[in-house]
Amino acid sequence: MLICLPALAILLLAACGEGNTTSSGATETAELSDCTADQLETVQDGALTIATDDPAFPPYFVDDDPTNGKGFESAVGYAIAEQLGFSPDQVEWVVEPFNSSYAPGPKDFDFDLNQISITEKRAEQVDFSSTYYTAGQAVVALADSPAAQAQSLDDLASATIGVQIGTTSLEAVEAEIAPSTEPQVFDTSNDVVTALKQGQVDAVVVDLPTAFFLTAVQVPEGQIIGQFEAPGGDEWGALLEKDSSLTACVTAAVDELRSSGELEEIQDRWLSEGADAPVLQ
């Protein structure tokens, strides 16, 4: 995955934060001046390869096309690339299924943007940049489902809840709702949506931005019952190969986007609806 500087890596050991990880798993940042495109060792010479899943859904990607720069994570990807000195035509997008992104081993991309939560367990196998978004969890149910009447997390204890495997949504359901029936676990986000539409589950739990898209486009007969925080928060980071020398540089790019206000502008443009969902206690 990501590598910071090729021949100069030894000289930049301190700047790249070798071995010094934060509690979130992200290495210390580098100086952006040391992270220019001509200095970075990437998967493809002269290009920055960014991975995400297929299909790629709004509000993270628009028209299932990461290359158009539309959608939250598409825009974040190009903004990071710009900070590292890559032009849009030097960015290559590739497909990496969500569940395999954080598996150990070599990566054929420089970093992955796919709503991947930073967890200690995942950070044992891959690197993460600093956080580019903190997402809440949301409960979505069909309007005629008994779950739609829930006003608290306790009210959902008897519901059959669907979630995608390997996600922090599953952890959030188990920790915060603790339903009396085991959550129904599905391989893909498409399977979760299908289960909701077909009434296989009473409700589903997804991250909040996904919930707004789901109820606006995929399941218009569904409604957001409310939102709640995942255990320890649900922070998303760019995912990189373990001990990648690019990790510190990608972190530096994310940090600059945050401090300049550009990251907030991107978030406001593509993820502005979140404040409208009631909070479930």
Protein backbone atom coordinates (compact mmCIF):
# COMPACT_ATOMS: atom_id res chain seq x y z
CA MET A 1 0.00 0.00 0.00
CA LEU A 2 1.35 3.37 0.96
CA ILE A 3 5.02 4.09 1.13
CA CYS A 4 6.48 7.41 2.21
CA LEU A 5 9.81 8.11 0.54
CA PRO A 6 11.87 5.62 -1.44
CA ALA A 7 15.64 6.05 -1.12
CA LEU A 8 15.19 8.81 1.45
CA ALA A 9 13.09 6.67 3.78
CA ILE A 10 15.89 6.19 6.27
CA LEU A 11 16.47 9.94 6.53
CA LEU A 12 12.78 10.49 7.18
CA LEU A 13 12.36 7.80 9.82
CA ALA A 14 11.51 10.28 12.51
CA ALA A 15 9.24 12.36 10.28
CA CYS A 16 7.34 9.31 9.13
CA GLY A 17 6.85 8.14 12.71
CA GLU A 18 8.39 4.69 12.30
CA GLY A 19 6.82 2.39 14.85
CA ASN A 20 5.20 5.25 16.77
CA THR A 21 1.49 4.61 16.51
CA THR A 22 -1.36 6.43 18.16
CA SER A 23 -4.22 4.68 19.94
CA SER A 24 -6.12 4.79 16.63
CA GLY A 25 -3.37 2.93 14.82
CA ALA A 26 -2.21 5.88 12.71
CA THR A 27 1.50 6.64 12.57
CA GLU A 28 2.83 10.08 13.34
CA THR A 29 2.63 12.62 10.60
CA ALA A 30 5.35 13.74 8.19
CA GLU A 31 6.08 17.18 6.77
CA LEU A 32 4.10 17.74 3.58
CA SER A 33 7.21 19.26 2.03
CA ASP A 34 8.77 15.80 2.27
CA CYS A 35 5.76 14.16 0.65
CA THR A 36 5.80 15.37 -2.95
CA ALA A 37 4.81 13.09 -5.81
CA ASP A 38 8.37 12.76 -7.09
CA GLN A 39 9.53 11.52 -3.68
CA LEU A 40 6.80 8.99 -2.97
CA GLU A 41 7.17 5.33 -3.84
CA THR A 42 3.73 4.29 -5.05
CA VAL A 43 2.31 1.09 -6.48
CA GLN A 44 2.40 2.58 -9.98
CA ASP A 45 5.20 4.94 -10.93
CA GLY A 46 3.90 8.46 -11.42
CA ALA A 47 0.39 7.59 -10.22
CA LEU A 48 -1.56 7.36 -6.97
CA THR A 49 -3.72 4.25 -6.75
CA ILE A 50 -6.81 4.54 -4.55
CA ALA A 51 -9.08 1.59 -3.80
CA THR A 52 -12.75 1.33 -2.91
CA ASP A 53 -15.51 -1.26 -3.18
CA ASP A 54 -17.77 -2.07 -6.13
CA PRO A 55 -20.50 -0.95 -6.28
CA ALA A 56 -19.55 2.41 -4.78
CA PHE A 57 -22.61 4.07 -3.29
CA PRO A 58 -23.65 7.68 -2.65
CA PRO A 59 -23.10 9.80 -0.68
CA TYR A 60 -19.53 8.54 -0.83
CA PHE A 61 -19.44 8.13 -4.62
CA VAL A 62 -21.92 9.32 -7.22
CA ASP A 63 -23.09 7.25 -10.21
CA ASP A 64 -20.93 4.32 -9.03
CA ASP A 65 -17.97 6.16 -10.54
CA PRO A 66 -15.11 7.07 -8.16
CA THR A 67 -13.25 8.82 -10.98
CA ASN A 68 -15.74 11.70 -11.32
CA GLY A 69 -14.74 13.41 -8.05
CA LYS A 70 -18.35 13.49 -6.90
CA GLY A 71 -19.32 12.12 -3.49
CA PHE A 72 -17.62 12.46 -0.12
CA GLU A 73 -14.87 9.86 -0.41
CA SER A 74 -14.22 10.51 -4.09
CA ALA A 75 -13.67 14.18 -3.23
CA VAL A 76 -11.50 13.28 -0.23
CA GLY A 77 -9.40 10.97 -2.40
CA TYR A 78 -8.67 13.68 -4.95
CA ALA A 79 -8.03 16.23 -2.20
CA ILE A 80 -5.43 13.95 -0.59
CA ALA A 81 -3.87 13.36 -4.00
CA GLU A 82 -3.61 17.10 -4.58
CA GLN A 83 -1.90 17.59 -1.23
CA LEU A 84 0.67 14.98 -2.28
CA GLY A 85 1.27 16.62 -5.64
CA PHE A 86 -0.75 14.32 -7.89
CA SER A 87 -3.05 15.78 -10.54
CA PRO A 88 -6.50 14.22 -11.08
CA ASP A 89 -5.31 12.40 -14.19
CA GLN A 90 -2.55 10.79 -12.11
CA VAL A 91 -5.10 9.15 -9.80
CA GLU A 92 -6.06 5.54 -10.55
CA TRP A 93 -9.05 3.89 -8.85
CA VAL A 94 -9.15 0.13 -8.29
CA VAL A 95 -11.65 -2.24 -6.67
CA GLU A 96 -10.99 -3.75 -3.25
CA PRO A 97 -13.87 -5.53 -1.45
CA PHE A 98 -14.52 -4.11 2.01
CA ASN A 99 -13.96 -7.37 3.86
CA SER A 100 -10.58 -8.00 2.26
CA SER A 101 -9.23 -4.46 2.61
CA TYR A 102 -8.01 -4.92 6.17
CA ALA A 103 -6.71 -8.46 5.72
CA PRO A 104 -2.96 -8.77 6.35
CA GLY A 105 -0.50 -8.87 3.48
CA PRO A 106 0.68 -6.83 0.49
CA LYS A 107 -1.75 -4.42 -1.18
CA ASP A 108 -2.05 -3.49 -4.85
CA PHE A 109 -3.22 0.03 -4.00
CA ASP A 110 -1.66 3.00 -2.22
CA PHE A 111 -4.60 3.61 0.08
CA ASP A 112 -8.23 2.59 0.41
CA LEU A 113 -11.24 4.84 1.09
CA ASN A 114 -14.32 2.77 1.87
CA GLN A 115 -15.89 3.92 5.15
CA ILE A 116 -13.35 1.79 6.98
CA SER A 117 -13.42 2.32 10.72
CA ILE A 118 -10.14 2.56 12.60
CA THR A 119 -10.03 -0.22 15.19
CA GLU A 120 -7.20 -1.61 17.28
CA LYS A 121 -7.75 -5.09 15.84
CA ARG A 122 -7.54 -3.87 12.24
CA ALA A 123 -4.53 -1.69 13.07
CA GLU A 124 -2.63 -4.87 13.96
CA GLN A 125 -2.82 -5.87 10.29
CA VAL A 126 -2.90 -2.58 8.35
CA ASP A 127 -2.04 1.08 8.77
CA PHE A 128 -4.50 3.95 8.99
CA SER A 129 -4.13 7.64 8.33
CA SER A 130 -5.50 10.14 10.81
CA THR A 131 -9.29 10.39 10.90
CA TYR A 132 -11.04 12.03 7.94
CA TYR A 133 -14.58 11.47 9.24
CA THR A 134 -16.34 10.39 12.44
CA ALA A 135 -19.65 8.68 11.75
CA GLY A 136 -22.55 7.82 13.97
CA GLN A 137 -24.65 4.69 13.56
CA ALA A 138 -28.29 4.78 12.46
CA VAL A 139 -31.26 2.44 12.69
CA VAL A 140 -33.42 2.14 9.57
CA ALA A 141 -36.77 0.33 9.42
CA LEU A 142 -39.73 0.10 7.09
CA ALA A 143 -42.48 2.48 8.11
CA ASP A 144 -44.91 -0.39 8.85
CA SER A 145 -42.41 -2.35 10.96
CA PRO A 146 -42.88 -2.46 14.76
CA ALA A 147 -39.26 -1.29 14.99
CA ALA A 148 -40.31 2.00 13.42
CA GLN A 149 -42.04 2.88 16.69
CA ALA A 150 -38.85 2.57 18.75
CA GLN A 151 -37.94 5.65 20.76
CA SER A 152 -34.91 4.21 22.56
CA LEU A 153 -32.27 1.53 22.08
CA ASP A 154 -34.07 -0.63 24.64
CA ASP A 155 -37.16 -0.57 22.43
CA LEU A 156 -35.12 -2.40 19.77
CA ALA A 157 -34.01 -5.26 22.03
CA SER A 158 -36.64 -7.65 20.66
CA ALA A 159 -36.13 -6.68 17.01
CA THR A 160 -34.37 -8.76 14.38
CA ILE A 161 -31.60 -6.49 13.13
CA GLY A 162 -29.59 -6.84 9.93
CA VAL A 163 -25.97 -5.69 9.52
CA GLN A 164 -23.06 -6.21 7.16
CA ILE A 165 -20.37 -8.63 8.26
CA GLY A 166 -17.08 -7.21 9.47
CA THR A 167 -18.43 -3.71 10.12
CA THR A 168 -18.46 -1.61 13.27
CA SER A 169 -22.25 -1.54 12.84
CA LEU A 170 -22.30 -5.17 14.01
CA GLU A 171 -20.16 -4.30 17.02
CA ALA A 172 -22.42 -1.33 17.76
CA VAL A 173 -25.57 -3.48 17.65
CA GLU A 174 -24.09 -6.05 19.99
CA ALA A 175 -22.70 -3.48 22.44
CA GLU A 176 -25.38 -0.79 22.48
CA ILE A 177 -28.64 -2.58 21.56
CA ALA A 178 -27.82 -6.14 22.72
CA PRO A 179 -30.86 -7.64 20.95
CA SER A 180 -32.40 -10.81 22.35
CA THR A 181 -32.11 -12.37 18.88
CA GLU A 182 -28.70 -12.67 17.21
CA PRO A 183 -28.26 -10.02 14.52
CA GLN A 184 -28.69 -11.26 10.96
CA VAL A 185 -25.31 -10.85 9.26
CA PHE A 186 -25.00 -10.30 5.49
CA ASP A 187 -21.97 -10.35 3.19
CA THR A 188 -22.54 -7.06 1.38
CA SER A 189 -24.37 -3.78 1.83
CA ASN A 190 -26.62 -4.77 -1.09
CA ASP A 191 -27.67 -7.88 0.84
CA VAL A 192 -28.49 -5.75 3.87
CA VAL A 193 -30.72 -3.49 1.78
CA THR A 194 -32.45 -6.48 0.16
CA ALA A 195 -33.14 -8.03 3.55
CA LEU A 196 -34.78 -4.81 4.74
CA LYS A 197 -36.88 -4.40 1.60
CA GLN A 198 -38.07 -8.01 1.73
CA GLY A 199 -38.92 -7.92 5.42
CA GLN A 200 -36.31 -10.51 6.38
CA VAL A 201 -35.32 -8.24 9.27
CA ASP A 202 -37.19 -5.68 11.35
CA ALA A 203 -34.48 -3.05 10.98
CA VAL A 204 -30.91 -2.56 9.80
CA VAL A 205 -28.02 -0.63 11.31
CA VAL A 206 -25.66 1.29 9.03
CA ASP A 207 -23.56 4.43 9.36
CA LEU A 208 -25.58 7.63 9.37
CA PRO A 209 -24.70 8.99 5.89
CA THR A 210 -25.56 5.60 4.36
CA ALA A 211 -28.89 5.67 6.21
CA PHE A 212 -29.85 8.96 4.55
CA PHE A 213 -29.00 7.63 1.10
CA LEU A 214 -30.74 4.33 1.80
CA THR A 215 -34.02 5.99 2.77
CA ALA A 216 -33.84 8.60 0.02
CA VAL A 217 -32.95 6.32 -2.88
CA GLN A 218 -32.72 2.60 -2.22
CA VAL A 219 -35.61 2.07 0.20
CA PRO A 220 -37.83 5.17 0.08
CA GLU A 221 -40.45 3.34 2.13
CA GLY A 222 -37.91 3.10 4.94
CA GLN A 223 -37.25 5.67 7.61
CA ILE A 224 -34.42 6.54 9.97
CA ILE A 225 -35.58 5.66 13.49
CA GLY A 226 -32.61 7.43 15.05
CA GLN A 227 -28.87 7.57 15.45
CA PHE A 228 -26.48 6.48 18.19
CA GLU A 229 -22.75 6.45 18.81
CA ALA A 230 -20.66 3.37 18.15
CA PRO A 231 -18.52 2.10 21.04
CA GLY A 232 -15.46 4.33 21.22
CA GLY A 233 -16.68 6.37 18.26
CA ASP A 234 -16.56 5.36 14.63
CA GLU A 235 -13.58 7.10 13.08
CA TRP A 236 -12.73 6.47 9.43
CA GLY A 237 -9.19 6.56 8.09
CA ALA A 238 -7.46 5.90 4.81
CA LEU A 239 -6.25 2.30 4.98
CA LEU A 240 -2.70 1.38 3.93
CA GLU A 241 -0.49 -1.66 3.90
CA LYS A 242 1.02 -2.43 7.30
CA ASP A 243 4.18 -0.41 7.99
CA SER A 244 3.78 1.48 4.73
CA SER A 245 6.17 4.36 4.35
CA LEU A 246 3.33 6.39 2.82
CA THR A 247 1.17 6.33 5.93
CA ALA A 248 2.73 9.41 7.52
CA CYS A 249 2.42 11.36 4.29
CA VAL A 250 -1.24 10.49 3.81
CA THR A 251 -1.82 11.47 7.45
CA ALA A 252 -0.06 14.78 6.79
CA ALA A 253 -2.36 15.37 3.82
CA VAL A 254 -5.50 14.58 5.84
CA ASP A 255 -4.33 16.81 8.69
CA GLU A 256 -3.72 19.70 6.30
CA LEU A 257 -7.17 19.28 4.75
CA ARG A 258 -8.67 19.37 8.23
CA SER A 259 -6.71 22.41 9.46
CA SER A 260 -7.38 24.38 6.27
CA GLY A 261 -11.12 23.76 6.49
CA GLU A 262 -11.26 21.95 3.15
CA LEU A 263 -12.23 18.66 4.75
CA GLU A 264 -15.16 20.34 6.50
CA GLU A 265 -16.24 21.92 3.21
CA ILE A 266 -16.22 18.52 1.51
CA GLN A 267 -18.18 17.03 4.40
CA ASP A 268 -20.74 19.85 4.38
CA ARG A 269 -21.27 19.42 0.64
CA TRP A 270 -21.83 15.68 0.62
CA LEU A 271 -22.83 14.70 4.18
CA SER A 272 -24.87 17.66 5.39
CA GLU A 273 -28.05 15.83 6.44
CA GLY A 274 -26.76 14.02 9.52
CA ALA A 275 -27.88 16.48 12.16
CA ASP A 276 -31.56 15.82 11.39
CA ALA A 277 -31.73 12.28 12.81
CA PRO A 278 -32.96 11.96 16.42
CA VAL A 279 -30.56 10.48 18.96
CA LEU A 280 -31.51 7.15 20.52
CA GLN A 281 -30.44 6.60 24.14
